[in-house]
Amino acid sequence: MSAQSGQTGVARAVVQQCLHATLQVKPADSGSEAEWTEIERGMVIYVCFFKKATEDIIPKMVNSLLNMKLCEMENGKLVSVLDLPGNILIVPQATLGGKAKGRSMQYHSNIGKEEGIHLYSQFVSQCEKELTTSDKCLEMGVLVKHGTYGNRQVLKLDTNGPFTHLIEF
């Protein structure tokens, strides 16, 4: 955040290493059970886009998040999720865009729902594409799983650390 302008970037991500994560992507209703998606060891990425975000930021976000040395090996060495190799669970998280105002949170800087859905889809697709270019990830059967944009979701997470990082773009 710039001290002079008071503006944030165009996107924000929180990254956590995990041993296992399960995300409810569809709640139970009268005719069906809840639907879940899950990953084993890897990284959970919570992502939020702001009003000025465009598709141009997606490659930079994906490159940074997937190549940054944020995952700990058994020997204590930090490596990227691609070098681990680890699975990725992407969770849309609009609350990352909140700003405290008095005793309430406001989300006026967040991108609109339609634009957010589009950028979120592009982010997921770019992550999937990046994994297919890694021989190590292909050999190990690494997966990208993701939540649904604009819906309340339940997350169960076993962290490894905790190592939690906030990254602004």
C-alpha atoms as a PDB file:
ATOM      1  CA  MET A   1       0.000   0.000   0.000  1.00  0.00           C
ATOM      2  CA  SER A   2       1.391   3.384  -0.886  1.00  0.00           C
ATOM      3  CA  ALA A   3       1.564   5.729   2.077  1.00  0.00           C
ATOM      4  CA  GLN A   4       0.887   8.708  -0.173  1.00  0.00           C
ATOM      5  CA  SER A   5      -2.073   7.437  -2.158  1.00  0.00           C
ATOM      6  CA  GLY A   6      -3.687   5.111   0.388  1.00  0.00           C
ATOM      7  CA  GLN A   7      -4.383   2.766  -2.546  1.00  0.00           C
ATOM      8  CA  THR A   8      -3.871  -0.979  -2.520  1.00  0.00           C
ATOM      9  CA  GLY A   9      -2.724  -3.076  -5.465  1.00  0.00           C
ATOM     10  CA  VAL A  10      -5.104  -4.752  -7.879  1.00  0.00           C
ATOM     11  CA  ALA A  11      -5.141  -8.179  -6.210  1.00  0.00           C
ATOM     12  CA  ARG A  12      -4.294  -9.817  -2.913  1.00  0.00           C
ATOM     13  CA  ALA A  13      -3.459 -13.418  -2.084  1.00  0.00           C
ATOM     14  CA  VAL A  14      -2.910 -15.299   1.136  1.00  0.00           C
ATOM     15  CA  VAL A  15      -0.883 -18.485   0.814  1.00  0.00           C
ATOM     16  CA  GLN A  16      -0.719 -21.327   3.345  1.00  0.00           C
ATOM     17  CA  GLN A  17       1.182 -24.577   3.099  1.00  0.00           C
ATOM     18  CA  CYS A  18      -0.940 -27.557   3.973  1.00  0.00           C
ATOM     19  CA  LEU A  19      -0.683 -31.252   4.684  1.00  0.00           C
ATOM     20  CA  HIS A  20      -4.340 -31.754   3.718  1.00  0.00           C
ATOM     21  CA  ALA A  21      -7.211 -29.445   2.819  1.00  0.00           C
ATOM     22  CA  THR A  22     -10.876 -30.088   2.106  1.00  0.00           C
ATOM     23  CA  LEU A  23     -13.202 -27.444   0.652  1.00  0.00           C
ATOM     24  CA  GLN A  24     -16.982 -27.673   0.438  1.00  0.00           C
ATOM     25  CA  VAL A  25     -17.894 -26.432  -3.031  1.00  0.00           C
ATOM     26  CA  LYS A  26     -21.633 -27.085  -2.827  1.00  0.00           C
ATOM     27  CA  PRO A  27     -23.719 -27.220   0.345  1.00  0.00           C
ATOM     28  CA  ALA A  28     -26.113 -30.052   1.055  1.00  0.00           C
ATOM     29  CA  ASP A  29     -29.746 -29.496   0.163  1.00  0.00           C
ATOM     30  CA  SER A  30     -32.920 -31.544   0.431  1.00  0.00           C
ATOM     31  CA  GLY A  31     -32.068 -33.606  -2.653  1.00  0.00           C
ATOM     32  CA  SER A  32     -28.326 -34.075  -2.397  1.00  0.00           C
ATOM     33  CA  GLU A  33     -25.342 -34.278  -0.111  1.00  0.00           C
ATOM     34  CA  ALA A  34     -22.676 -31.608   0.117  1.00  0.00           C
ATOM     35  CA  GLU A  35     -19.922 -31.708  -2.514  1.00  0.00           C
ATOM     36  CA  TRP A  36     -16.273 -31.426  -1.472  1.00  0.00           C
ATOM     37  CA  THR A  37     -12.926 -31.132  -3.183  1.00  0.00           C
ATOM     38  CA  GLU A  38      -9.632 -31.897  -1.492  1.00  0.00           C
ATOM     39  CA  ILE A  39      -5.886 -31.902  -1.846  1.00  0.00           C
ATOM     40  CA  GLU A  40      -3.041 -33.566  -0.021  1.00  0.00           C
ATOM     41  CA  ARG A  41       0.269 -31.829   0.696  1.00  0.00           C
ATOM     42  CA  GLY A  42       0.694 -28.532  -1.088  1.00  0.00           C
ATOM     43  CA  MET A  43      -0.582 -24.994  -0.963  1.00  0.00           C
ATOM     44  CA  VAL A  44      -3.888 -23.242  -0.351  1.00  0.00           C
ATOM     45  CA  ILE A  45      -4.171 -19.927  -2.199  1.00  0.00           C
ATOM     46  CA  TYR A  46      -6.897 -17.479  -1.143  1.00  0.00           C
ATOM     47  CA  VAL A  47      -7.361 -14.821  -3.815  1.00  0.00           C
ATOM     48  CA  CYS A  48      -9.191 -11.478  -4.017  1.00  0.00           C
ATOM     49  CA  PHE A  49      -9.335  -8.992  -6.896  1.00  0.00           C
ATOM     50  CA  PHE A  50      -9.867  -5.246  -6.616  1.00  0.00           C
ATOM     51  CA  LYS A  51     -11.752  -2.896  -8.959  1.00  0.00           C
ATOM     52  CA  LYS A  52      -8.732  -1.958 -11.112  1.00  0.00           C
ATOM     53  CA  ALA A  53      -7.675  -5.572 -11.728  1.00  0.00           C
ATOM     54  CA  THR A  54      -7.461  -6.822 -15.315  1.00  0.00           C
ATOM     55  CA  GLU A  55      -6.348 -10.062 -16.963  1.00  0.00           C
ATOM     56  CA  ASP A  56      -2.868  -8.547 -17.285  1.00  0.00           C
ATOM     57  CA  ILE A  57      -2.138  -9.280 -13.598  1.00  0.00           C
ATOM     58  CA  ILE A  58      -2.906 -13.022 -13.823  1.00  0.00           C
ATOM     59  CA  PRO A  59       0.436 -14.237 -15.298  1.00  0.00           C
ATOM     60  CA  LYS A  60       2.421 -12.236 -12.720  1.00  0.00           C
ATOM     61  CA  MET A  61       0.310 -13.597  -9.852  1.00  0.00           C
ATOM     62  CA  VAL A  62       0.571 -17.204 -11.005  1.00  0.00           C
ATOM     63  CA  ASN A  63       4.295 -16.986 -11.697  1.00  0.00           C
ATOM     64  CA  SER A  64       4.993 -15.400  -8.308  1.00  0.00           C
ATOM     65  CA  LEU A  65       2.744 -17.652  -6.239  1.00  0.00           C
ATOM     66  CA  LEU A  66       3.776 -20.948  -7.833  1.00  0.00           C
ATOM     67  CA  ASN A  67       7.512 -20.208  -8.036  1.00  0.00           C
ATOM     68  CA  MET A  68       8.107 -18.437  -4.721  1.00  0.00           C
ATOM     69  CA  LYS A  69       9.919 -20.612  -2.161  1.00  0.00           C
ATOM     70  CA  LEU A  70       7.135 -20.954   0.417  1.00  0.00           C
ATOM     71  CA  CYS A  71       6.927 -24.728   0.984  1.00  0.00           C
ATOM     72  CA  GLU A  72       9.070 -26.544   3.518  1.00  0.00           C
ATOM     73  CA  MET A  73      10.702 -29.872   2.717  1.00  0.00           C
ATOM     74  CA  GLU A  74      11.310 -32.525   5.392  1.00  0.00           C
ATOM     75  CA  ASN A  75      14.899 -31.258   5.706  1.00  0.00           C
ATOM     76  CA  GLY A  76      13.706 -27.698   6.426  1.00  0.00           C
ATOM     77  CA  LYS A  77      14.696 -26.346   3.006  1.00  0.00           C
ATOM     78  CA  LEU A  78      12.176 -23.966   1.403  1.00  0.00           C
ATOM     79  CA  VAL A  79      11.122 -24.710  -2.185  1.00  0.00           C
ATOM     80  CA  SER A  80       8.335 -23.619  -4.520  1.00  0.00           C
ATOM     81  CA  VAL A  81       5.110 -25.612  -4.723  1.00  0.00           C
ATOM     82  CA  LEU A  82       6.231 -26.666  -8.227  1.00  0.00           C
ATOM     83  CA  ASP A  83       9.537 -28.004  -6.882  1.00  0.00           C
ATOM     84  CA  LEU A  84       7.935 -29.769  -3.900  1.00  0.00           C
ATOM     85  CA  PRO A  85       5.862 -30.823  -5.970  1.00  0.00           C
ATOM     86  CA  GLY A  86       2.578 -30.094  -4.231  1.00  0.00           C
ATOM     87  CA  ASN A  87      -1.108 -29.817  -4.983  1.00  0.00           C
ATOM     88  CA  ILE A  88      -2.870 -26.462  -5.115  1.00  0.00           C
ATOM     89  CA  LEU A  89      -6.282 -25.508  -3.728  1.00  0.00           C
ATOM     90  CA  ILE A  90      -7.524 -22.102  -4.870  1.00  0.00           C
ATOM     91  CA  VAL A  91     -10.180 -20.408  -2.750  1.00  0.00           C
ATOM     92  CA  PRO A  92     -11.920 -17.178  -3.796  1.00  0.00           C
ATOM     93  CA  GLN A  93     -11.803 -14.911  -0.744  1.00  0.00           C
ATOM     94  CA  ALA A  94     -13.521 -11.537  -1.198  1.00  0.00           C
ATOM     95  CA  THR A  95     -13.093 -10.733   2.497  1.00  0.00           C
ATOM     96  CA  LEU A  96      -9.370 -10.172   1.829  1.00  0.00           C
ATOM     97  CA  GLY A  97     -10.481  -6.901   0.242  1.00  0.00           C
ATOM     98  CA  GLY A  98     -12.101  -5.582   3.389  1.00  0.00           C
ATOM     99  CA  LYS A  99     -11.150  -2.339   5.050  1.00  0.00           C
ATOM    100  CA  ALA A 100     -12.048  -1.548   8.641  1.00  0.00           C
ATOM    101  CA  LYS A 101     -14.335   1.433   9.120  1.00  0.00           C
ATOM    102  CA  GLY A 102     -15.212   1.921  12.738  1.00  0.00           C
ATOM    103  CA  ARG A 103     -16.460  -1.405  14.028  1.00  0.00           C
ATOM    104  CA  SER A 104     -17.467  -2.697  10.579  1.00  0.00           C
ATOM    105  CA  MET A 105     -15.742  -3.959   7.464  1.00  0.00           C
ATOM    106  CA  GLN A 106     -16.333  -2.390   4.065  1.00  0.00           C
ATOM    107  CA  TYR A 107     -15.622  -3.965   0.696  1.00  0.00           C
ATOM    108  CA  HIS A 108     -15.963  -0.976  -1.661  1.00  0.00           C
ATOM    109  CA  SER A 109     -12.613  -1.684  -3.341  1.00  0.00           C
ATOM    110  CA  ASN A 110     -13.541  -5.234  -4.415  1.00  0.00           C
ATOM    111  CA  ILE A 111     -14.143  -6.029  -8.060  1.00  0.00           C
ATOM    112  CA  GLY A 112     -17.728  -6.626  -9.253  1.00  0.00           C
ATOM    113  CA  LYS A 113     -19.023 -10.193  -9.218  1.00  0.00           C
ATOM    114  CA  GLU A 114     -19.043 -10.767 -12.998  1.00  0.00           C
ATOM    115  CA  GLU A 115     -15.527  -9.383 -13.468  1.00  0.00           C
ATOM    116  CA  GLY A 116     -14.370 -11.319 -10.395  1.00  0.00           C
ATOM    117  CA  ILE A 117     -15.731 -14.597 -11.759  1.00  0.00           C
ATOM    118  CA  HIS A 118     -13.885 -13.978 -15.035  1.00  0.00           C
ATOM    119  CA  LEU A 119     -10.542 -13.153 -13.381  1.00  0.00           C
ATOM    120  CA  TYR A 120     -10.875 -16.033 -10.926  1.00  0.00           C
ATOM    121  CA  SER A 121     -11.505 -18.465 -13.817  1.00  0.00           C
ATOM    122  CA  GLN A 122      -8.475 -17.076 -15.656  1.00  0.00           C
ATOM    123  CA  PHE A 123      -6.352 -17.455 -12.506  1.00  0.00           C
ATOM    124  CA  VAL A 124      -7.405 -21.101 -12.047  1.00  0.00           C
ATOM    125  CA  SER A 125      -6.780 -21.878 -15.744  1.00  0.00           C
ATOM    126  CA  GLN A 126      -3.337 -20.256 -15.664  1.00  0.00           C
ATOM    127  CA  CYS A 127      -2.392 -22.271 -12.547  1.00  0.00           C
ATOM    128  CA  GLU A 128      -3.509 -25.488 -14.268  1.00  0.00           C
ATOM    129  CA  LYS A 129      -1.520 -24.555 -17.379  1.00  0.00           C
ATOM    130  CA  GLU A 130       1.594 -23.806 -15.303  1.00  0.00           C
ATOM    131  CA  LEU A 131       1.433 -27.234 -13.657  1.00  0.00           C
ATOM    132  CA  THR A 132       1.277 -28.970 -17.049  1.00  0.00           C
ATOM    133  CA  THR A 133       4.617 -27.361 -17.995  1.00  0.00           C
ATOM    134  CA  SER A 134       6.365 -28.925 -14.980  1.00  0.00           C
ATOM    135  CA  ASP A 135       7.677 -32.433 -15.622  1.00  0.00           C
ATOM    136  CA  LYS A 136       7.984 -33.034 -11.865  1.00  0.00           C
ATOM    137  CA  CYS A 137       4.323 -32.107 -11.310  1.00  0.00           C
ATOM    138  CA  LEU A 138       3.162 -34.242 -14.236  1.00  0.00           C
ATOM    139  CA  GLU A 139       5.116 -37.270 -12.975  1.00  0.00           C
ATOM    140  CA  MET A 140       3.695 -36.900  -9.451  1.00  0.00           C
ATOM    141  CA  GLY A 141       0.108 -36.310 -10.615  1.00  0.00           C
ATOM    142  CA  VAL A 142      -0.113 -32.899  -8.949  1.00  0.00           C
ATOM    143  CA  LEU A 143      -3.581 -31.350  -9.054  1.00  0.00           C
ATOM    144  CA  VAL A 144      -5.155 -27.911  -9.022  1.00  0.00           C
ATOM    145  CA  LYS A 145      -8.504 -27.877  -7.224  1.00  0.00           C
ATOM    146  CA  HIS A 146     -10.658 -24.810  -6.647  1.00  0.00           C
ATOM    147  CA  GLY A 147     -13.705 -23.412  -4.965  1.00  0.00           C
ATOM    148  CA  THR A 148     -16.637 -21.604  -6.537  1.00  0.00           C
ATOM    149  CA  TYR A 149     -16.621 -17.830  -6.822  1.00  0.00           C
ATOM    150  CA  GLY A 150     -19.268 -15.871  -4.952  1.00  0.00           C
ATOM    151  CA  ASN A 151     -20.443 -18.716  -2.704  1.00  0.00           C
ATOM    152  CA  ARG A 152     -19.940 -19.343   0.974  1.00  0.00           C
ATOM    153  CA  GLN A 153     -17.646 -22.343   1.413  1.00  0.00           C
ATOM    154  CA  VAL A 154     -16.445 -24.490   4.314  1.00  0.00           C
ATOM    155  CA  LEU A 155     -12.712 -25.171   4.544  1.00  0.00           C
ATOM    156  CA  LYS A 156     -10.973 -27.806   6.661  1.00  0.00           C
ATOM    157  CA  LEU A 157      -7.227 -27.320   6.718  1.00  0.00           C
ATOM    158  CA  ASP A 158      -4.291 -29.139   8.276  1.00  0.00           C
ATOM    159  CA  THR A 159      -1.441 -26.657   8.085  1.00  0.00           C
ATOM    160  CA  ASN A 160       2.251 -27.315   7.989  1.00  0.00           C
ATOM    161  CA  GLY A 161       3.783 -24.607  10.081  1.00  0.00           C
ATOM    162  CA  PRO A 162       1.756 -22.441  10.174  1.00  0.00           C
ATOM    163  CA  PHE A 163       3.324 -20.688   7.237  1.00  0.00           C
ATOM    164  CA  THR A 164       0.911 -18.008   6.089  1.00  0.00           C
ATOM    165  CA  HIS A 165       1.937 -15.264   3.675  1.00  0.00           C
ATOM    166  CA  LEU A 166       0.043 -12.186   2.472  1.00  0.00           C
ATOM    167  CA  ILE A 167       1.104 -11.074  -1.015  1.00  0.00           C
ATOM    168  CA  GLU A 168      -0.193  -7.984  -2.822  1.00  0.00           C
ATOM    169  CA  PHE A 169      -0.050  -7.438  -6.570  1.00  0.00           C
END
